[in-house]
Structures are given as C-alpha cells and as structure tokens.
Amino acid sequence: MKVTRENYAKFVSKAIPLLTLAYFLQAYFYLEYAPEAVAKEVVGCLGLSLVGLFIYYFVYDRYHTVVFHPTYMEIRFDPLQIHQECLYREIMDVQIKDGKKSYHHVMIHLKSGDVLKLAYVDNAHTIRKYLLERA
C-alpha cells in the first residue's frame, strides 16, 4: 500500500501557469495605477507569496511520506522533524473529505480523540478500506 499524490501534482502543474499569469496581471496593474512606493512593496509581497506557494507544493509532495507496516502506520515530514506512528488498533474511524474527484483528504480519527490528516491523496477509498480492515 502506498500513498500517492500524482493527481494533485497534475492539478498543481495546471494551476501554476494560471497563478503566474494572475501575478503578472496584478503586478502590472499595481505598477501602472498605484503610487510607486506602495506598488513596489505590494508586487514584492505578491512575488514572495507566489514563490512560497511553489516551494510549499514541492516540499510537501517530496517530503511528506506515509509508510504502512504490518501493525502500524508511520507518517513523516522530515523538514519539520515530524514523525508520528499510529497503531491500527487505535483507529476508531476513517473519513474521506470530498475534494476534487481525482484526489481527497483522508481523516483518521483515533480513540484518543486525535485526528490524523492525509492531504491530497489519490487512492483515498482504498486507504480507508485498508485501515478499517486492520482497526
């Protein structure tokens, strides 16, 4: 069992050109019609936000991993040194939040009351079935 985000990556690859176009249109209008001091700051902030968004997409896709072991699952996000392990027997319920048709968010409710979230997952229904069979 593997958690993939290929459908979300396809969506993002389509969205990036549109976001970039929106940035350049906004930058043009700010530089053309706003006072110069304000326009440069706003355009700079918009540019930094756009770059930050692209970095977030890459880092999340590259470093967020979920590994299924025989008795537990392991969720890792190495840049922030996050490492969680969840025994299957601790799972109370698994819900799928509706998203795009090609990817979903999986919410794993634990008996302790905690909720683990797997975002932008391709095979959400398969993961839900897998986890509930082992719970």
N, C-alpha and C. Protein backbone atom coordinates (compact mmCIF):
# COMPACT_ATOMS: atom_id res chain seq x y z
N MET A 1 0.86 -1.18 0.00
CA MET A 1 0.00 0.00 0.00
C MET A 1 0.89 1.23 0.00
N LYS A 2 0.58 2.15 -0.87
CA LYS A 2 1.36 3.38 -0.97
C LYS A 2 0.43 4.57 -1.15
N VAL A 3 0.75 5.65 -0.46
CA VAL A 3 0.00 6.90 -0.60
C VAL A 3 0.66 7.71 -1.71
N THR A 4 -0.13 8.01 -2.73
CA THR A 4 0.40 8.81 -3.84
C THR A 4 -0.41 10.09 -3.97
N ARG A 5 0.21 11.07 -4.62
CA ARG A 5 -0.43 12.37 -4.85
C ARG A 5 -0.26 12.80 -6.30
N GLU A 6 -0.24 11.84 -7.20
CA GLU A 6 0.01 12.15 -8.62
C GLU A 6 -1.10 13.01 -9.22
N ASN A 7 -2.35 12.74 -8.86
CA ASN A 7 -3.45 13.54 -9.41
C ASN A 7 -3.39 14.98 -8.92
N TYR A 8 -2.98 15.17 -7.68
CA TYR A 8 -2.83 16.52 -7.15
C TYR A 8 -1.67 17.23 -7.85
N ALA A 9 -0.59 16.49 -8.11
CA ALA A 9 0.55 17.08 -8.82
C ALA A 9 0.14 17.54 -10.22
N LYS A 10 -0.71 16.76 -10.87
CA LYS A 10 -1.22 17.16 -12.19
C LYS A 10 -2.05 18.43 -12.09
N PHE A 11 -2.89 18.50 -11.05
CA PHE A 11 -3.71 19.69 -10.82
C PHE A 11 -2.83 20.92 -10.59
N VAL A 12 -1.81 20.76 -9.75
CA VAL A 12 -0.92 21.88 -9.44
C VAL A 12 -0.15 22.32 -10.68
N SER A 13 0.27 21.35 -11.50
CA SER A 13 1.02 21.72 -12.71
C SER A 13 0.15 22.51 -13.68
N LYS A 14 -1.16 22.31 -13.62
CA LYS A 14 -2.07 23.11 -14.44
C LYS A 14 -2.33 24.48 -13.79
N ALA A 15 -2.30 24.52 -12.46
CA ALA A 15 -2.61 25.76 -11.75
C ALA A 15 -1.44 26.75 -11.74
N ILE A 16 -0.22 26.26 -11.76
CA ILE A 16 0.95 27.13 -11.67
C ILE A 16 0.99 28.19 -12.78
N PRO A 17 0.77 27.82 -14.04
CA PRO A 17 0.76 28.88 -15.07
C PRO A 17 -0.34 29.92 -14.85
N LEU A 18 -1.50 29.49 -14.37
CA LEU A 18 -2.59 30.44 -14.11
C LEU A 18 -2.24 31.37 -12.95
N LEU A 19 -1.64 30.82 -11.91
CA LEU A 19 -1.23 31.66 -10.77
C LEU A 19 -0.14 32.65 -11.19
N THR A 20 0.77 32.20 -12.02
CA THR A 20 1.83 33.08 -12.50
C THR A 20 1.25 34.20 -13.37
N LEU A 21 0.32 33.86 -14.23
CA LEU A 21 -0.35 34.87 -15.06
C LEU A 21 -1.09 35.88 -14.19
N ALA A 22 -1.80 35.38 -13.17
CA ALA A 22 -2.52 36.28 -12.27
C ALA A 22 -1.54 37.22 -11.56
N TYR A 23 -0.38 36.68 -11.15
CA TYR A 23 0.63 37.53 -10.51
C TYR A 23 1.08 38.65 -11.44
N PHE A 24 1.40 38.31 -12.68
CA PHE A 24 1.90 39.33 -13.60
C PHE A 24 0.82 40.37 -13.93
N LEU A 25 -0.42 39.94 -14.03
CA LEU A 25 -1.51 40.90 -14.26
C LEU A 25 -1.65 41.85 -13.08
N GLN A 26 -1.65 41.29 -11.86
CA GLN A 26 -1.75 42.13 -10.67
C GLN A 26 -0.55 43.07 -10.58
N ALA A 27 0.63 42.55 -10.84
CA ALA A 27 1.84 43.38 -10.77
C ALA A 27 1.75 44.52 -11.77
N TYR A 28 1.30 44.22 -12.97
CA TYR A 28 1.17 45.26 -13.99
C TYR A 28 0.23 46.37 -13.52
N PHE A 29 -0.96 45.98 -13.02
CA PHE A 29 -1.94 46.99 -12.61
C PHE A 29 -1.46 47.79 -11.40
N TYR A 30 -0.80 47.13 -10.44
CA TYR A 30 -0.26 47.86 -9.30
C TYR A 30 0.81 48.86 -9.75
N LEU A 31 1.71 48.41 -10.59
CA LEU A 31 2.79 49.29 -11.04
C LEU A 31 2.28 50.43 -11.92
N GLU A 32 1.19 50.17 -12.63
CA GLU A 32 0.64 51.17 -13.55
C GLU A 32 -0.22 52.21 -12.82
N TYR A 33 -1.03 51.76 -11.85
CA TYR A 33 -2.06 52.64 -11.28
C TYR A 33 -1.88 53.01 -9.81
N ALA A 34 -1.08 52.28 -9.07
CA ALA A 34 -0.91 52.57 -7.64
C ALA A 34 0.30 53.50 -7.45
N PRO A 35 0.34 54.20 -6.31
CA PRO A 35 1.53 55.01 -6.02
C PRO A 35 2.78 54.13 -6.01
N GLU A 36 3.87 54.68 -6.50
CA GLU A 36 5.08 53.90 -6.73
C GLU A 36 5.60 53.19 -5.48
N ALA A 37 5.62 53.88 -4.34
CA ALA A 37 6.15 53.27 -3.11
C ALA A 37 5.30 52.08 -2.68
N VAL A 38 4.00 52.21 -2.78
CA VAL A 38 3.10 51.13 -2.39
C VAL A 38 3.17 49.99 -3.40
N ALA A 39 3.20 50.33 -4.66
CA ALA A 39 3.18 49.33 -5.72
C ALA A 39 4.37 48.38 -5.63
N LYS A 40 5.55 48.92 -5.40
CA LYS A 40 6.74 48.06 -5.33
C LYS A 40 6.66 47.09 -4.16
N GLU A 41 6.18 47.58 -3.02
CA GLU A 41 6.06 46.71 -1.85
C GLU A 41 5.02 45.62 -2.08
N VAL A 42 3.88 45.98 -2.64
CA VAL A 42 2.82 45.01 -2.88
C VAL A 42 3.27 43.97 -3.90
N VAL A 43 3.88 44.41 -4.98
CA VAL A 43 4.36 43.49 -6.01
C VAL A 43 5.42 42.55 -5.43
N GLY A 44 6.29 43.08 -4.59
CA GLY A 44 7.29 42.24 -3.93
C GLY A 44 6.67 41.19 -3.03
N CYS A 45 5.67 41.61 -2.24
CA CYS A 45 4.98 40.66 -1.36
C CYS A 45 4.23 39.60 -2.16
N LEU A 46 3.58 40.02 -3.22
CA LEU A 46 2.88 39.05 -4.08
C LEU A 46 3.87 38.04 -4.68
N GLY A 47 5.01 38.53 -5.13
CA GLY A 47 6.03 37.65 -5.71
C GLY A 47 6.57 36.66 -4.70
N LEU A 48 6.86 37.15 -3.49
CA LEU A 48 7.35 36.25 -2.43
C LEU A 48 6.29 35.21 -2.06
N SER A 49 5.04 35.62 -2.02
CA SER A 49 3.96 34.68 -1.72
C SER A 49 3.85 33.61 -2.79
N LEU A 50 3.98 33.99 -4.03
CA LEU A 50 3.91 33.04 -5.14
C LEU A 50 5.07 32.04 -5.07
N VAL A 51 6.26 32.53 -4.82
CA VAL A 51 7.42 31.65 -4.69
C VAL A 51 7.25 30.72 -3.49
N GLY A 52 6.75 31.25 -2.38
CA GLY A 52 6.50 30.43 -1.20
C GLY A 52 5.49 29.33 -1.47
N LEU A 53 4.47 29.64 -2.23
CA LEU A 53 3.46 28.64 -2.58
C LEU A 53 4.06 27.52 -3.42
N PHE A 54 4.89 27.87 -4.39
CA PHE A 54 5.55 26.85 -5.22
C PHE A 54 6.48 25.98 -4.38
N ILE A 55 7.21 26.60 -3.47
CA ILE A 55 8.11 25.83 -2.59
C ILE A 55 7.30 24.89 -1.71
N TYR A 56 6.17 25.38 -1.17
CA TYR A 56 5.31 24.54 -0.34
C TYR A 56 4.84 23.31 -1.12
N TYR A 57 4.36 23.52 -2.34
CA TYR A 57 3.91 22.39 -3.17
C TYR A 57 5.01 21.35 -3.33
N PHE A 58 6.21 21.81 -3.65
CA PHE A 58 7.32 20.89 -3.87
C PHE A 58 7.72 20.16 -2.59
N VAL A 59 7.91 20.91 -1.51
CA VAL A 59 8.37 20.31 -0.25
C VAL A 59 7.35 19.33 0.29
N TYR A 60 6.07 19.69 0.27
CA TYR A 60 5.05 18.78 0.79
C TYR A 60 5.02 17.49 -0.02
N ASP A 61 5.05 17.60 -1.32
CA ASP A 61 4.99 16.42 -2.17
C ASP A 61 6.24 15.56 -2.01
N ARG A 62 7.37 16.19 -1.85
CA ARG A 62 8.64 15.45 -1.79
C ARG A 62 8.89 14.80 -0.44
N TYR A 63 8.55 15.47 0.65
CA TYR A 63 8.99 15.02 1.97
C TYR A 63 7.89 14.47 2.88
N HIS A 64 6.64 14.60 2.53
CA HIS A 64 5.57 14.03 3.35
C HIS A 64 5.36 12.59 2.92
N THR A 65 5.71 11.65 3.80
CA THR A 65 5.59 10.24 3.45
C THR A 65 4.74 9.50 4.47
N VAL A 66 4.04 8.50 3.98
CA VAL A 66 3.24 7.62 4.82
C VAL A 66 3.67 6.19 4.49
N VAL A 67 4.08 5.45 5.53
CA VAL A 67 4.53 4.07 5.34
C VAL A 67 3.61 3.17 6.16
N PHE A 68 3.08 2.13 5.51
CA PHE A 68 2.21 1.17 6.18
C PHE A 68 3.03 -0.05 6.57
N HIS A 69 3.07 -0.33 7.87
CA HIS A 69 3.75 -1.50 8.42
C HIS A 69 2.68 -2.53 8.79
N PRO A 70 3.07 -3.75 9.16
CA PRO A 70 2.06 -4.78 9.48
C PRO A 70 1.10 -4.40 10.62
N THR A 71 1.58 -3.71 11.65
CA THR A 71 0.71 -3.40 12.79
C THR A 71 0.50 -1.90 13.02
N TYR A 72 1.19 -1.07 12.29
CA TYR A 72 1.05 0.37 12.49
C TYR A 72 1.38 1.11 11.20
N MET A 73 1.02 2.38 11.18
CA MET A 73 1.39 3.25 10.06
C MET A 73 2.28 4.37 10.58
N GLU A 74 3.15 4.84 9.72
CA GLU A 74 4.12 5.86 10.10
C GLU A 74 3.95 7.06 9.16
N ILE A 75 3.82 8.25 9.75
CA ILE A 75 3.68 9.48 8.98
C ILE A 75 4.89 10.35 9.28
N ARG A 76 5.56 10.79 8.22
CA ARG A 76 6.79 11.57 8.39
C ARG A 76 6.74 12.84 7.55
N PHE A 77 7.28 13.91 8.12
CA PHE A 77 7.54 15.14 7.37
C PHE A 77 8.89 15.64 7.86
N ASP A 78 9.93 15.20 7.18
CA ASP A 78 11.31 15.41 7.65
C ASP A 78 11.74 16.86 7.79
N PRO A 79 11.34 17.80 6.92
CA PRO A 79 11.82 19.18 7.10
C PRO A 79 11.45 19.78 8.47
N LEU A 80 10.32 19.39 9.03
CA LEU A 80 9.92 19.89 10.35
C LEU A 80 10.15 18.85 11.44
N GLN A 81 10.82 17.76 11.09
CA GLN A 81 11.13 16.66 12.02
C GLN A 81 9.88 16.12 12.70
N ILE A 82 8.81 15.99 11.92
CA ILE A 82 7.57 15.41 12.43
C ILE A 82 7.57 13.93 12.11
N HIS A 83 7.34 13.13 13.13
CA HIS A 83 7.31 11.68 12.96
C HIS A 83 6.22 11.14 13.88
N GLN A 84 5.19 10.57 13.29
CA GLN A 84 4.09 10.01 14.07
C GLN A 84 3.92 8.56 13.71
N GLU A 85 3.62 7.75 14.71
CA GLU A 85 3.28 6.36 14.48
C GLU A 85 1.89 6.13 15.05
N CYS A 86 1.10 5.36 14.34
CA CYS A 86 -0.27 5.10 14.76
C CYS A 86 -0.54 3.61 14.63
N LEU A 87 -0.83 2.97 15.76
CA LEU A 87 -1.22 1.56 15.73
C LEU A 87 -2.60 1.45 15.09
N TYR A 88 -2.76 0.46 14.24
CA TYR A 88 -4.05 0.29 13.57
C TYR A 88 -5.18 0.09 14.58
N ARG A 89 -4.90 -0.59 15.70
CA ARG A 89 -5.96 -0.85 16.69
C ARG A 89 -6.43 0.42 17.38
N GLU A 90 -5.68 1.52 17.26
CA GLU A 90 -6.08 2.80 17.84
C GLU A 90 -7.03 3.59 16.94
N ILE A 91 -7.24 3.11 15.72
CA ILE A 91 -8.10 3.82 14.77
C ILE A 91 -9.56 3.54 15.09
N MET A 92 -10.33 4.61 15.25
CA MET A 92 -11.76 4.50 15.53
C MET A 92 -12.57 4.62 14.24
N ASP A 93 -12.20 5.57 13.38
CA ASP A 93 -12.94 5.79 12.14
C ASP A 93 -12.01 6.44 11.12
N VAL A 94 -12.34 6.24 9.86
CA VAL A 94 -11.60 6.86 8.77
C VAL A 94 -12.62 7.52 7.85
N GLN A 95 -12.49 8.83 7.65
CA GLN A 95 -13.41 9.56 6.80
C GLN A 95 -12.67 10.13 5.60
N ILE A 96 -13.41 10.27 4.52
CA ILE A 96 -12.86 10.88 3.32
C ILE A 96 -13.57 12.20 3.10
N LYS A 97 -12.80 13.27 3.13
CA LYS A 97 -13.37 14.59 2.84
C LYS A 97 -13.42 14.76 1.34
N ASP A 98 -14.56 15.20 0.86
CA ASP A 98 -14.69 15.40 -0.58
C ASP A 98 -13.76 16.50 -1.03
N GLY A 99 -13.11 16.24 -2.09
CA GLY A 99 -12.24 17.22 -2.73
C GLY A 99 -12.52 17.15 -4.21
N LYS A 100 -11.49 17.28 -4.97
CA LYS A 100 -11.64 17.05 -6.40
C LYS A 100 -11.94 15.57 -6.60
N LYS A 101 -12.48 15.22 -7.73
CA LYS A 101 -12.80 13.82 -7.99
C LYS A 101 -11.55 12.94 -8.03
N SER A 102 -10.42 13.52 -8.41
CA SER A 102 -9.21 12.72 -8.58
C SER A 102 -8.36 12.61 -7.31
N TYR A 103 -8.63 13.45 -6.30
CA TYR A 103 -7.89 13.33 -5.04
C TYR A 103 -8.77 13.81 -3.89
N HIS A 104 -8.46 13.31 -2.68
CA HIS A 104 -9.26 13.59 -1.49
C HIS A 104 -8.35 13.79 -0.29
N HIS A 105 -8.97 14.18 0.82
CA HIS A 105 -8.29 14.25 2.11
C HIS A 105 -8.84 13.10 2.97
N VAL A 106 -7.94 12.37 3.63
CA VAL A 106 -8.32 11.26 4.49
C VAL A 106 -8.14 11.71 5.93
N MET A 107 -9.22 11.62 6.70
CA MET A 107 -9.19 11.99 8.12
C MET A 107 -9.25 10.70 8.94
N ILE A 108 -8.22 10.45 9.75
CA ILE A 108 -8.13 9.25 10.57
C ILE A 108 -8.41 9.65 12.01
N HIS A 109 -9.55 9.21 12.54
CA HIS A 109 -9.95 9.53 13.91
C HIS A 109 -9.46 8.42 14.84
N LEU A 110 -8.73 8.81 15.87
CA LEU A 110 -8.18 7.85 16.82
C LEU A 110 -9.02 7.78 18.08
N LYS A 111 -8.90 6.69 18.80
CA LYS A 111 -9.65 6.51 20.05
C LYS A 111 -9.28 7.56 21.09
N SER A 112 -8.09 8.11 21.00
CA SER A 112 -7.65 9.15 21.94
C SER A 112 -8.30 10.50 21.66
N GLY A 113 -9.00 10.62 20.53
CA GLY A 113 -9.61 11.88 20.14
C GLY A 113 -8.79 12.67 19.14
N ASP A 114 -7.56 12.25 18.91
CA ASP A 114 -6.71 12.91 17.91
C ASP A 114 -7.18 12.59 16.51
N VAL A 115 -6.84 13.45 15.58
CA VAL A 115 -7.19 13.25 14.18
C VAL A 115 -5.91 13.41 13.35
N LEU A 116 -5.64 12.42 12.53
CA LEU A 116 -4.52 12.49 11.59
C LEU A 116 -5.10 12.79 10.22
N LYS A 117 -4.42 13.64 9.47
CA LYS A 117 -4.93 14.03 8.16
C LYS A 117 -3.90 13.71 7.09
N LEU A 118 -4.36 13.01 6.06
CA LEU A 118 -3.55 12.77 4.88
C LEU A 118 -4.16 13.60 3.77
N ALA A 119 -3.44 14.58 3.29
CA ALA A 119 -4.00 15.52 2.32
C ALA A 119 -3.62 15.15 0.89
N TYR A 120 -4.54 15.47 -0.03
CA TYR A 120 -4.32 15.34 -1.48
C TYR A 120 -3.99 13.91 -1.90
N VAL A 121 -4.73 12.94 -1.38
CA VAL A 121 -4.45 11.53 -1.62
C VAL A 121 -5.21 11.03 -2.85
N ASP A 122 -4.50 10.27 -3.70
CA ASP A 122 -5.12 9.72 -4.91
C ASP A 122 -6.10 8.59 -4.61
N ASN A 123 -5.67 7.60 -3.88
CA ASN A 123 -6.43 6.38 -3.67
C ASN A 123 -7.08 6.34 -2.28
N ALA A 124 -7.87 7.34 -1.98
CA ALA A 124 -8.43 7.51 -0.63
C ALA A 124 -9.34 6.36 -0.22
N HIS A 125 -10.18 5.88 -1.11
CA HIS A 125 -11.12 4.82 -0.75
C HIS A 125 -10.38 3.51 -0.46
N THR A 126 -9.32 3.24 -1.19
CA THR A 126 -8.51 2.05 -0.94
C THR A 126 -7.81 2.16 0.41
N ILE A 127 -7.29 3.32 0.73
CA ILE A 127 -6.62 3.54 2.02
C ILE A 127 -7.62 3.39 3.16
N ARG A 128 -8.80 3.97 2.99
CA ARG A 128 -9.84 3.86 4.03
C ARG A 128 -10.17 2.40 4.30
N LYS A 129 -10.40 1.63 3.25
CA LYS A 129 -10.73 0.21 3.39
C LYS A 129 -9.58 -0.53 4.07
N TYR A 130 -8.36 -0.28 3.66
CA TYR A 130 -7.18 -0.92 4.23
C TYR A 130 -7.08 -0.66 5.74
N LEU A 131 -7.26 0.60 6.13
CA LEU A 131 -7.13 0.96 7.54
C LEU A 131 -8.27 0.38 8.38
N LEU A 132 -9.49 0.44 7.87
CA LEU A 132 -10.63 -0.08 8.63
C LEU A 132 -10.56 -1.60 8.79
N GLU A 133 -10.01 -2.29 7.82
CA GLU A 133 -9.85 -3.75 7.94
C GLU A 133 -8.87 -4.11 9.04
N ARG A 134 -7.92 -3.25 9.32
CA ARG A 134 -6.91 -3.54 10.33
C ARG A 134 -7.22 -2.92 11.69
N ALA A 135 -8.24 -2.08 11.74
CA ALA A 135 -8.59 -1.40 13.00
C ALA A 135 -9.23 -2.35 14.00
